[in-house]
Amino acid sequence: MEMLPGHRERIEHLIGSPIREIRRARGGYSAAQRWILATDSGLRIFAKIGVPPVSDHSLRCEALVYERLRLSFMPRVLEWQDDPVHPMLLLEDLSDYEWPPPWNNRSIERTLSAIQDLHESECPIRSHEQLMGSADPNWWSVVADRPESFLELRVRSREWLDRALPTLLEASASISPEGQSLCHFDLRSDNICLSDERVAIIDWSLACRGNPRVDLGLFLPGLASEGGPRPEQILPGAPEIAAWVSGFFAAHASKPFIPSAPNVRVMQRTQLEWSLAWLERERGF
C-alpha cells in the first residue's frame, strides 16, 4: 500500500519540512492508513489518515478527545487536519517504545497503574451513550437473537449456550458501561507502549465517560491471552463484568467478516475465548 495521492504534500505543508523517509506503521485493525515519517528537520511523526466510510469518523472522534484532554499517557499531537474525505492526524512517533507482548511483571504493573490514572483523570468529554448514539444492548441478548452465528464460532456447544444463557442474560443486565470516569474502551496491547519514563496509550476514538470496571474488564482477557495474569487476579469477584465482557466479544466476534479490517474478528474471537474461560471460573459453568 502506498500513501494516498497528495498526502505527502499535505503533511509537508503542515509541518513546514520535507519528508525524507516514509514507512508503513505496523498494527491497527481499522482501514485507516498509518505511516511513520522522518523529516529533513529531524522530526519523526506518526501519521494516521482516515478512510471512509468508518475510519474517517473514528479519526474525528479521536481528534476531539485530543482537543479536550492533555494527559501524560497520551501521545503528543503535532497537527490535525479535518479534510472532508481523508482527515489526517499527526502524532509523535512512539515506534521506538516497547510494545508488548511479551509482558513482564514490571510492564504489567506500570500499565495497570497508568490505566488507574486514566480512570481517575478529569473527563470533560461525552458520555458512553452520547458517543455510541444509544445505550448498549445486553450483548448476550444479541447472541440469543442469532445463536447460530455464535455457534458457528465453535467456542462452545449449543448445550452450553442453552444452559448458560438465562444466567448470562441476568448477570450482564446487572452492569452498565455508563459512568462518570474517563474510559478508553479499546485497551489492548497494540494500543499500549512503554519507555523507561512513561506508559503511552494510543487510539482514543472510543474514549468517553463510562464505567472503569467495564473498561478494565475489556482489557484483561487480552492480557491473559498474552501471558499475563488471569482477569480475576486483577479484578476479583466480578462475575457480572466477566458476563458483560464475554457477551460483548460473543456478539462482535460472530458478526460478518470485514474485508477492509480482516483481523478484527480474529482478535475478537481470541478475546471471546479468554473471557469465556474467565466467566466459567467465576460462575462455575
C-alpha atoms as a PDB file:
ATOM      1  CA  MET A   1       0.000   0.000   0.000  1.00  0.00           C
ATOM      2  CA  GLU A   2       1.208   3.463  -0.876  1.00  0.00           C
ATOM      3  CA  MET A   3       0.341   6.755   0.773  1.00  0.00           C
ATOM      4  CA  LEU A   4      -2.780   8.297  -0.725  1.00  0.00           C
ATOM      5  CA  PRO A   5      -2.002  10.786  -3.522  1.00  0.00           C
ATOM      6  CA  GLY A   6      -1.297  14.297  -2.355  1.00  0.00           C
ATOM      7  CA  HIS A   7      -0.961  13.415   1.332  1.00  0.00           C
ATOM      8  CA  ARG A   8       2.806  13.682   1.399  1.00  0.00           C
ATOM      9  CA  GLU A   9       2.493  17.241   0.150  1.00  0.00           C
ATOM     10  CA  ARG A  10      -0.266  17.981   2.685  1.00  0.00           C
ATOM     11  CA  ILE A  11       1.932  16.778   5.538  1.00  0.00           C
ATOM     12  CA  GLU A  12       4.994  18.693   4.340  1.00  0.00           C
ATOM     13  CA  HIS A  13       2.887  21.848   4.169  1.00  0.00           C
ATOM     14  CA  LEU A  14       1.532  21.323   7.699  1.00  0.00           C
ATOM     15  CA  ILE A  15       4.905  20.685   9.332  1.00  0.00           C
ATOM     16  CA  GLY A  16       6.977  23.014   7.165  1.00  0.00           C
ATOM     17  CA  SER A  17       9.672  20.467   6.316  1.00  0.00           C
ATOM     18  CA  PRO A  18      10.305  17.967   3.501  1.00  0.00           C
ATOM     19  CA  ILE A  19       9.783  14.270   4.293  1.00  0.00           C
ATOM     20  CA  ARG A  20      12.873  12.167   3.654  1.00  0.00           C
ATOM     21  CA  GLU A  21      11.590   8.757   4.776  1.00  0.00           C
ATOM     22  CA  ILE A  22       8.183   7.047   4.770  1.00  0.00           C
ATOM     23  CA  ARG A  23       7.366   3.580   6.043  1.00  0.00           C
ATOM     24  CA  ARG A  24       4.122   1.893   6.840  1.00  0.00           C
ATOM     25  CA  ALA A  25       3.371   1.536  10.555  1.00  0.00           C
ATOM     26  CA  ARG A  26       2.631  -1.905  11.924  1.00  0.00           C
ATOM     27  CA  GLY A  27      -0.564  -2.832  13.722  1.00  0.00           C
ATOM     28  CA  GLY A  28      -4.016  -1.380  13.721  1.00  0.00           C
ATOM     29  CA  TYR A  29      -7.303  -3.097  12.978  1.00  0.00           C
ATOM     30  CA  SER A  30      -9.174  -0.375  11.090  1.00  0.00           C
ATOM     31  CA  ALA A  31      -8.903   0.666   7.454  1.00  0.00           C
ATOM     32  CA  ALA A  32      -7.097   3.899   8.401  1.00  0.00           C
ATOM     33  CA  GLN A  33      -3.694   4.381   6.800  1.00  0.00           C
ATOM     34  CA  ARG A  34      -0.802   4.570   9.264  1.00  0.00           C
ATOM     35  CA  TRP A  35       2.685   5.847   8.427  1.00  0.00           C
ATOM     36  CA  ILE A  36       5.953   6.590  10.205  1.00  0.00           C
ATOM     37  CA  LEU A  37       7.659   9.638   8.731  1.00  0.00           C
ATOM     38  CA  ALA A  38      11.069  11.243   9.159  1.00  0.00           C
ATOM     39  CA  THR A  39      11.650  14.820   8.019  1.00  0.00           C
ATOM     40  CA  ASP A  40      14.721  16.741   6.942  1.00  0.00           C
ATOM     41  CA  SER A  41      14.358  18.790  10.147  1.00  0.00           C
ATOM     42  CA  GLY A  42      14.807  15.631  12.264  1.00  0.00           C
ATOM     43  CA  LEU A  43      11.167  15.328  13.292  1.00  0.00           C
ATOM     44  CA  ARG A  44       9.657  11.832  13.496  1.00  0.00           C
ATOM     45  CA  ILE A  45       5.902  11.593  13.006  1.00  0.00           C
ATOM     46  CA  PHE A  46       3.147   9.016  13.215  1.00  0.00           C
ATOM     47  CA  ALA A  47       0.584   9.921  10.540  1.00  0.00           C
ATOM     48  CA  LYS A  48      -2.916   8.472  10.677  1.00  0.00           C
ATOM     49  CA  ILE A  49      -5.197   9.088   7.701  1.00  0.00           C
ATOM     50  CA  GLY A  50      -8.905   8.289   7.851  1.00  0.00           C
ATOM     51  CA  VAL A  51     -10.576   6.335   5.063  1.00  0.00           C
ATOM     52  CA  PRO A  52     -14.376   6.371   4.516  1.00  0.00           C
ATOM     53  CA  PRO A  53     -16.838   5.033   5.481  1.00  0.00           C
ATOM     54  CA  VAL A  54     -15.744   4.223   9.073  1.00  0.00           C
ATOM     55  CA  SER A  55     -12.177   5.164   9.949  1.00  0.00           C
ATOM     56  CA  ASP A  56     -12.661   8.805   8.900  1.00  0.00           C
ATOM     57  CA  HIS A  57     -15.410   9.151  11.515  1.00  0.00           C
ATOM     58  CA  SER A  58     -13.289   7.346  14.111  1.00  0.00           C
ATOM     59  CA  LEU A  59     -10.380   9.684  13.451  1.00  0.00           C
ATOM     60  CA  ARG A  60     -12.597  12.735  14.007  1.00  0.00           C
ATOM     61  CA  CYS A  61     -13.753  11.235  17.310  1.00  0.00           C
ATOM     62  CA  GLU A  62     -10.143  10.666  18.316  1.00  0.00           C
ATOM     63  CA  ALA A  63      -9.123  14.194  17.377  1.00  0.00           C
ATOM     64  CA  LEU A  64     -11.953  15.584  19.518  1.00  0.00           C
ATOM     65  CA  VAL A  65     -10.627  13.667  22.523  1.00  0.00           C
ATOM     66  CA  TYR A  66      -7.111  15.034  21.957  1.00  0.00           C
ATOM     67  CA  GLU A  67      -8.590  18.530  21.734  1.00  0.00           C
ATOM     68  CA  ARG A  68     -10.206  18.190  25.155  1.00  0.00           C
ATOM     69  CA  LEU A  69      -7.622  16.110  27.018  1.00  0.00           C
ATOM     70  CA  ARG A  70      -3.895  16.590  27.558  1.00  0.00           C
ATOM     71  CA  LEU A  71      -2.638  13.744  29.740  1.00  0.00           C
ATOM     72  CA  SER A  72       0.861  12.364  30.256  1.00  0.00           C
ATOM     73  CA  PHE A  73      -0.024   8.927  28.883  1.00  0.00           C
ATOM     74  CA  MET A  74      -1.496  10.329  25.658  1.00  0.00           C
ATOM     75  CA  PRO A  75       0.690  10.876  22.586  1.00  0.00           C
ATOM     76  CA  ARG A  76       1.570  14.452  21.752  1.00  0.00           C
ATOM     77  CA  VAL A  77      -0.489  15.919  18.898  1.00  0.00           C
ATOM     78  CA  LEU A  78       1.565  17.671  16.216  1.00  0.00           C
ATOM     79  CA  GLU A  79      -1.162  18.606  13.736  1.00  0.00           C
ATOM     80  CA  TRP A  80      -4.790  17.828  12.917  1.00  0.00           C
ATOM     81  CA  GLN A  81      -6.476  18.471   9.563  1.00  0.00           C
ATOM     82  CA  ASP A  82     -10.151  17.649   9.144  1.00  0.00           C
ATOM     83  CA  ASP A  83     -10.260  17.004   5.421  1.00  0.00           C
ATOM     84  CA  PRO A  84     -13.846  16.234   4.256  1.00  0.00           C
ATOM     85  CA  VAL A  85     -12.796  12.846   2.853  1.00  0.00           C
ATOM     86  CA  HIS A  86      -9.442  11.904   4.391  1.00  0.00           C
ATOM     87  CA  PRO A  87      -8.901  13.600   7.779  1.00  0.00           C
ATOM     88  CA  MET A  88      -5.325  13.411   8.984  1.00  0.00           C
ATOM     89  CA  LEU A  89      -3.858  13.257  12.485  1.00  0.00           C
ATOM     90  CA  LEU A  90      -0.131  13.739  13.058  1.00  0.00           C
ATOM     91  CA  LEU A  91       1.217  12.478  16.397  1.00  0.00           C
ATOM     92  CA  GLU A  92       4.594  11.953  17.996  1.00  0.00           C
ATOM     93  CA  ASP A  93       6.234   8.734  16.805  1.00  0.00           C
ATOM     94  CA  LEU A  94       6.278   6.074  19.534  1.00  0.00           C
ATOM     95  CA  SER A  95       7.647   3.226  17.413  1.00  0.00           C
ATOM     96  CA  ASP A  96      10.875   3.088  19.450  1.00  0.00           C
ATOM     97  CA  TYR A  97       8.911   2.333  22.629  1.00  0.00           C
ATOM     98  CA  GLU A  98       8.469  -1.209  23.941  1.00  0.00           C
ATOM     99  CA  TRP A  99       5.264  -2.714  22.545  1.00  0.00           C
ATOM    100  CA  PRO A 100       4.064  -5.774  24.467  1.00  0.00           C
ATOM    101  CA  PRO A 101       3.762  -8.712  24.282  1.00  0.00           C
ATOM    102  CA  PRO A 102       5.810 -10.139  25.795  1.00  0.00           C
ATOM    103  CA  TRP A 103       4.735  -8.787  29.154  1.00  0.00           C
ATOM    104  CA  ASN A 104       6.665  -8.967  32.396  1.00  0.00           C
ATOM    105  CA  ASN A 105       5.665  -8.168  35.956  1.00  0.00           C
ATOM    106  CA  ARG A 106       7.065  -4.657  35.738  1.00  0.00           C
ATOM    107  CA  SER A 107       5.353  -3.737  32.460  1.00  0.00           C
ATOM    108  CA  ILE A 108       2.041  -5.153  33.709  1.00  0.00           C
ATOM    109  CA  GLU A 109       2.325  -3.218  36.968  1.00  0.00           C
ATOM    110  CA  ARG A 110       3.153   0.023  35.158  1.00  0.00           C
ATOM    111  CA  THR A 111       0.350  -0.447  32.631  1.00  0.00           C
ATOM    112  CA  LEU A 112      -2.274  -1.164  35.286  1.00  0.00           C
ATOM    113  CA  SER A 113      -1.096   1.919  37.186  1.00  0.00           C
ATOM    114  CA  ALA A 114      -1.477   4.027  34.024  1.00  0.00           C
ATOM    115  CA  ILE A 115      -4.988   2.654  33.483  1.00  0.00           C
ATOM    116  CA  GLN A 116      -5.873   3.582  37.065  1.00  0.00           C
ATOM    117  CA  ASP A 117      -4.507   7.088  36.465  1.00  0.00           C
ATOM    118  CA  LEU A 118      -6.611   7.249  33.313  1.00  0.00           C
ATOM    119  CA  HIS A 119      -9.755   6.299  35.217  1.00  0.00           C
ATOM    120  CA  GLU A 120      -9.027   8.899  37.900  1.00  0.00           C
ATOM    121  CA  SER A 121      -8.423  11.752  35.435  1.00  0.00           C
ATOM    122  CA  GLU A 122     -10.908  14.553  34.839  1.00  0.00           C
ATOM    123  CA  CYS A 123     -13.242  13.720  31.992  1.00  0.00           C
ATOM    124  CA  PRO A 124     -14.569  16.726  30.035  1.00  0.00           C
ATOM    125  CA  ILE A 125     -15.788  14.548  27.153  1.00  0.00           C
ATOM    126  CA  ARG A 126     -19.084  12.991  26.142  1.00  0.00           C
ATOM    127  CA  SER A 127     -20.775  10.053  27.793  1.00  0.00           C
ATOM    128  CA  HIS A 128     -20.714   6.480  26.552  1.00  0.00           C
ATOM    129  CA  GLU A 129     -24.324   6.784  25.396  1.00  0.00           C
ATOM    130  CA  GLN A 130     -23.626  10.065  23.582  1.00  0.00           C
ATOM    131  CA  LEU A 131     -20.643   8.518  21.805  1.00  0.00           C
ATOM    132  CA  MET A 132     -22.445   5.339  20.783  1.00  0.00           C
ATOM    133  CA  GLY A 133     -25.695   7.080  19.909  1.00  0.00           C
ATOM    134  CA  SER A 134     -27.765   4.853  22.214  1.00  0.00           C
ATOM    135  CA  ALA A 135     -27.389   2.672  25.273  1.00  0.00           C
ATOM    136  CA  ASP A 136     -25.542  -0.608  24.686  1.00  0.00           C
ATOM    137  CA  PRO A 137     -27.810  -3.639  24.445  1.00  0.00           C
ATOM    138  CA  ASN A 138     -27.474  -6.652  26.685  1.00  0.00           C
ATOM    139  CA  TRP A 139     -24.900  -8.349  24.474  1.00  0.00           C
ATOM    140  CA  TRP A 140     -25.996 -11.848  25.435  1.00  0.00           C
ATOM    141  CA  SER A 141     -29.497 -10.938  24.251  1.00  0.00           C
ATOM    142  CA  VAL A 142     -27.926 -10.145  20.870  1.00  0.00           C
ATOM    143  CA  VAL A 143     -26.429 -13.643  20.896  1.00  0.00           C
ATOM    144  CA  ALA A 144     -29.793 -15.096  21.934  1.00  0.00           C
ATOM    145  CA  ASP A 145     -31.423 -13.420  18.931  1.00  0.00           C
ATOM    146  CA  ARG A 146     -28.959 -15.021  16.485  1.00  0.00           C
ATOM    147  CA  PRO A 147     -27.452 -18.041  18.234  1.00  0.00           C
ATOM    148  CA  GLU A 148     -26.333 -19.744  15.025  1.00  0.00           C
ATOM    149  CA  SER A 149     -23.778 -17.009  14.358  1.00  0.00           C
ATOM    150  CA  PHE A 150     -22.290 -17.568  17.810  1.00  0.00           C
ATOM    151  CA  LEU A 151     -22.334 -21.351  17.483  1.00  0.00           C
ATOM    152  CA  GLU A 152     -20.521 -21.127  14.135  1.00  0.00           C
ATOM    153  CA  LEU A 153     -17.510 -19.813  16.059  1.00  0.00           C
ATOM    154  CA  ARG A 154     -17.259 -23.272  17.698  1.00  0.00           C
ATOM    155  CA  VAL A 155     -16.126 -21.883  21.028  1.00  0.00           C
ATOM    156  CA  ARG A 156     -18.982 -23.518  22.962  1.00  0.00           C
ATOM    157  CA  SER A 157     -21.728 -26.038  22.202  1.00  0.00           C
ATOM    158  CA  ARG A 158     -25.438 -25.448  21.796  1.00  0.00           C
ATOM    159  CA  GLU A 159     -25.972 -27.346  25.043  1.00  0.00           C
ATOM    160  CA  TRP A 160     -23.637 -24.959  26.849  1.00  0.00           C
ATOM    161  CA  LEU A 161     -25.436 -21.937  25.417  1.00  0.00           C
ATOM    162  CA  ASP A 162     -28.908 -23.246  26.293  1.00  0.00           C
ATOM    163  CA  ARG A 163     -27.797 -23.998  29.841  1.00  0.00           C
ATOM    164  CA  ALA A 164     -25.846 -20.790  30.463  1.00  0.00           C
ATOM    165  CA  LEU A 165     -27.917 -18.194  28.619  1.00  0.00           C
ATOM    166  CA  PRO A 166     -30.514 -17.398  31.338  1.00  0.00           C
ATOM    167  CA  THR A 167     -27.762 -16.754  33.878  1.00  0.00           C
ATOM    168  CA  LEU A 168     -25.712 -14.745  31.381  1.00  0.00           C
ATOM    169  CA  LEU A 169     -28.656 -12.538  30.439  1.00  0.00           C
ATOM    170  CA  GLU A 170     -29.328 -11.751  34.089  1.00  0.00           C
ATOM    171  CA  ALA A 171     -25.686 -11.185  35.040  1.00  0.00           C
ATOM    172  CA  SER A 172     -24.801  -8.943  32.101  1.00  0.00           C
ATOM    173  CA  ALA A 173     -28.001  -6.921  32.575  1.00  0.00           C
ATOM    174  CA  SER A 174     -26.831  -6.038  36.085  1.00  0.00           C
ATOM    175  CA  ILE A 175     -23.884  -3.993  34.816  1.00  0.00           C
ATOM    176  CA  SER A 176     -23.661  -0.976  32.519  1.00  0.00           C
ATOM    177  CA  PRO A 177     -20.792   0.671  30.630  1.00  0.00           C
ATOM    178  CA  GLU A 178     -22.234   4.046  31.644  1.00  0.00           C
ATOM    179  CA  GLY A 179     -20.406   6.024  34.311  1.00  0.00           C
ATOM    180  CA  GLN A 180     -18.546   9.242  35.043  1.00  0.00           C
ATOM    181  CA  SER A 181     -14.909   8.097  34.795  1.00  0.00           C
ATOM    182  CA  LEU A 182     -12.621   8.674  31.850  1.00  0.00           C
ATOM    183  CA  CYS A 183     -12.552   5.365  29.954  1.00  0.00           C
ATOM    184  CA  HIS A 184     -10.660   4.311  26.849  1.00  0.00           C
ATOM    185  CA  PHE A 185     -12.845   1.333  25.791  1.00  0.00           C
ATOM    186  CA  ASP A 186     -10.189  -0.007  23.414  1.00  0.00           C
ATOM    187  CA  LEU A 187      -7.433  -1.079  25.796  1.00  0.00           C
ATOM    188  CA  ARG A 188      -5.296  -3.761  24.138  1.00  0.00           C
ATOM    189  CA  SER A 189      -1.586  -4.410  23.896  1.00  0.00           C
ATOM    190  CA  ASP A 190      -1.412  -2.902  20.391  1.00  0.00           C
ATOM    191  CA  ASN A 191      -2.659   0.371  21.911  1.00  0.00           C
ATOM    192  CA  ILE A 192      -0.160   0.418  24.789  1.00  0.00           C
ATOM    193  CA  CYS A 193       3.594   1.038  24.717  1.00  0.00           C
ATOM    194  CA  LEU A 194       6.260   1.811  27.296  1.00  0.00           C
ATOM    195  CA  SER A 195       9.552   3.646  27.631  1.00  0.00           C
ATOM    196  CA  ASP A 196      11.756   3.873  30.707  1.00  0.00           C
ATOM    197  CA  GLU A 197       9.955   7.059  31.746  1.00  0.00           C
ATOM    198  CA  ARG A 198       6.418   6.619  30.519  1.00  0.00           C
ATOM    199  CA  VAL A 199       3.470   4.423  29.594  1.00  0.00           C
ATOM    200  CA  ALA A 200       1.679   5.694  26.485  1.00  0.00           C
ATOM    201  CA  ILE A 201      -1.841   4.735  25.421  1.00  0.00           C
ATOM    202  CA  ILE A 202      -2.942   5.393  21.828  1.00  0.00           C
ATOM    203  CA  ASP A 203      -6.118   5.199  19.696  1.00  0.00           C
ATOM    204  CA  TRP A 204      -8.605   7.284  21.661  1.00  0.00           C
ATOM    205  CA  SER A 205     -11.551   7.213  19.246  1.00  0.00           C
ATOM    206  CA  LEU A 206     -13.809   5.321  21.699  1.00  0.00           C
ATOM    207  CA  ALA A 207     -12.847   7.314  24.804  1.00  0.00           C
ATOM    208  CA  CYS A 208     -15.762   8.694  26.804  1.00  0.00           C
ATOM    209  CA  ARG A 209     -17.246   8.913  30.283  1.00  0.00           C
ATOM    210  CA  GLY A 210     -18.011   5.400  31.419  1.00  0.00           C
ATOM    211  CA  ASN A 211     -17.668   2.574  33.904  1.00  0.00           C
ATOM    212  CA  PRO A 212     -13.983   1.966  34.753  1.00  0.00           C
ATOM    213  CA  ARG A 213     -14.607  -1.652  35.812  1.00  0.00           C
ATOM    214  CA  VAL A 214     -16.026  -2.452  32.388  1.00  0.00           C
ATOM    215  CA  ASP A 215     -13.128  -0.627  30.711  1.00  0.00           C
ATOM    216  CA  LEU A 216     -10.595  -2.629  32.722  1.00  0.00           C
ATOM    217  CA  GLY A 217     -12.574  -5.846  32.201  1.00  0.00           C
ATOM    218  CA  LEU A 218     -12.370  -5.443  28.438  1.00  0.00           C
ATOM    219  CA  PHE A 219      -8.566  -5.281  28.684  1.00  0.00           C
ATOM    220  CA  LEU A 220      -7.976  -8.278  30.929  1.00  0.00           C
ATOM    221  CA  PRO A 221      -8.810 -11.251  28.632  1.00  0.00           C
ATOM    222  CA  GLY A 222      -6.322  -9.983  26.062  1.00  0.00           C
ATOM    223  CA  LEU A 223      -3.676  -9.508  28.732  1.00  0.00           C
ATOM    224  CA  ALA A 224      -4.234 -13.084  29.948  1.00  0.00           C
ATOM    225  CA  SER A 225      -4.023 -14.425  26.385  1.00  0.00           C
ATOM    226  CA  GLU A 226      -0.574 -12.824  26.088  1.00  0.00           C
ATOM    227  CA  GLY A 227       0.875 -14.472  29.179  1.00  0.00           C
ATOM    228  CA  GLY A 228      -0.411 -12.067  31.808  1.00  0.00           C
ATOM    229  CA  PRO A 229      -2.357 -12.928  34.958  1.00  0.00           C
ATOM    230  CA  ARG A 230      -5.891 -14.256  34.884  1.00  0.00           C
ATOM    231  CA  PRO A 231      -8.536 -11.497  34.899  1.00  0.00           C
ATOM    232  CA  GLU A 232      -9.823 -12.472  38.347  1.00  0.00           C
ATOM    233  CA  GLN A 233      -6.368 -11.880  39.832  1.00  0.00           C
ATOM    234  CA  ILE A 234      -6.693  -8.203  38.903  1.00  0.00           C
ATOM    235  CA  LEU A 235     -10.465  -7.806  39.140  1.00  0.00           C
ATOM    236  CA  PRO A 236     -11.559 -10.413  41.712  1.00  0.00           C
ATOM    237  CA  GLY A 237     -15.150 -11.296  42.446  1.00  0.00           C
ATOM    238  CA  ALA A 238     -16.586  -9.697  39.310  1.00  0.00           C
ATOM    239  CA  PRO A 239     -18.793 -12.305  37.592  1.00  0.00           C
ATOM    240  CA  GLU A 240     -21.064  -9.581  36.214  1.00  0.00           C
ATOM    241  CA  ILE A 241     -18.073  -7.931  34.483  1.00  0.00           C
ATOM    242  CA  ALA A 242     -16.989 -11.301  33.074  1.00  0.00           C
ATOM    243  CA  ALA A 243     -20.546 -11.832  31.787  1.00  0.00           C
ATOM    244  CA  TRP A 244     -20.738  -8.379  30.180  1.00  0.00           C
ATOM    245  CA  VAL A 245     -17.277  -8.635  28.599  1.00  0.00           C
ATOM    246  CA  SER A 246     -17.791 -12.160  27.253  1.00  0.00           C
ATOM    247  CA  GLY A 247     -21.163 -11.108  25.850  1.00  0.00           C
ATOM    248  CA  PHE A 248     -19.572  -8.110  24.148  1.00  0.00           C
ATOM    249  CA  PHE A 249     -16.981 -10.273  22.420  1.00  0.00           C
ATOM    250  CA  ALA A 250     -19.512 -13.026  21.670  1.00  0.00           C
ATOM    251  CA  ALA A 251     -21.805 -10.564  19.899  1.00  0.00           C
ATOM    252  CA  HIS A 252     -18.989  -8.875  17.969  1.00  0.00           C
ATOM    253  CA  ALA A 253     -16.893 -11.912  17.047  1.00  0.00           C
ATOM    254  CA  SER A 254     -19.961 -13.529  15.472  1.00  0.00           C
ATOM    255  CA  LYS A 255     -20.619 -10.574  13.161  1.00  0.00           C
ATOM    256  CA  PRO A 256     -19.741 -10.855   9.448  1.00  0.00           C
ATOM    257  CA  PHE A 257     -16.145 -10.617   8.252  1.00  0.00           C
ATOM    258  CA  ILE A 258     -14.919  -7.081   7.461  1.00  0.00           C
ATOM    259  CA  PRO A 259     -12.855  -7.051   4.224  1.00  0.00           C
ATOM    260  CA  SER A 260     -11.308  -3.643   4.983  1.00  0.00           C
ATOM    261  CA  ALA A 261     -10.314  -4.771   8.508  1.00  0.00           C
ATOM    262  CA  PRO A 262      -9.637  -8.507   8.104  1.00  0.00           C
ATOM    263  CA  ASN A 263      -8.059  -9.125  11.515  1.00  0.00           C
ATOM    264  CA  VAL A 264     -10.814  -7.659  13.692  1.00  0.00           C
ATOM    265  CA  ARG A 265     -12.954 -10.781  14.012  1.00  0.00           C
ATOM    266  CA  VAL A 266      -9.885 -12.948  14.670  1.00  0.00           C
ATOM    267  CA  MET A 267      -8.880 -10.672  17.544  1.00  0.00           C
ATOM    268  CA  GLN A 268     -12.423 -10.613  18.912  1.00  0.00           C
ATOM    269  CA  ARG A 269     -12.671 -14.403  18.792  1.00  0.00           C
ATOM    270  CA  THR A 270      -9.465 -14.717  20.813  1.00  0.00           C
ATOM    271  CA  GLN A 271     -10.800 -12.230  23.347  1.00  0.00           C
ATOM    272  CA  LEU A 272     -14.029 -14.222  23.477  1.00  0.00           C
ATOM    273  CA  GLU A 273     -12.252 -17.497  24.257  1.00  0.00           C
ATOM    274  CA  TRP A 274     -10.333 -15.990  27.154  1.00  0.00           C
ATOM    275  CA  SER A 275     -13.298 -14.037  28.514  1.00  0.00           C
ATOM    276  CA  LEU A 276     -15.455 -17.195  28.432  1.00  0.00           C
ATOM    277  CA  ALA A 277     -12.813 -19.031  30.449  1.00  0.00           C
ATOM    278  CA  TRP A 278     -12.882 -16.167  32.977  1.00  0.00           C
ATOM    279  CA  LEU A 279     -16.670 -16.283  33.063  1.00  0.00           C
ATOM    280  CA  GLU A 280     -16.741 -20.051  33.650  1.00  0.00           C
ATOM    281  CA  ARG A 281     -14.283 -19.840  36.501  1.00  0.00           C
ATOM    282  CA  GLU A 282     -16.404 -17.099  38.105  1.00  0.00           C
ATOM    283  CA  ARG A 283     -19.791 -18.737  37.535  1.00  0.00           C
ATOM    284  CA  GLY A 284     -18.844 -22.428  37.720  1.00  0.00           C
ATOM    285  CA  PHE A 285     -20.365 -23.426  34.373  1.00  0.00           C
END
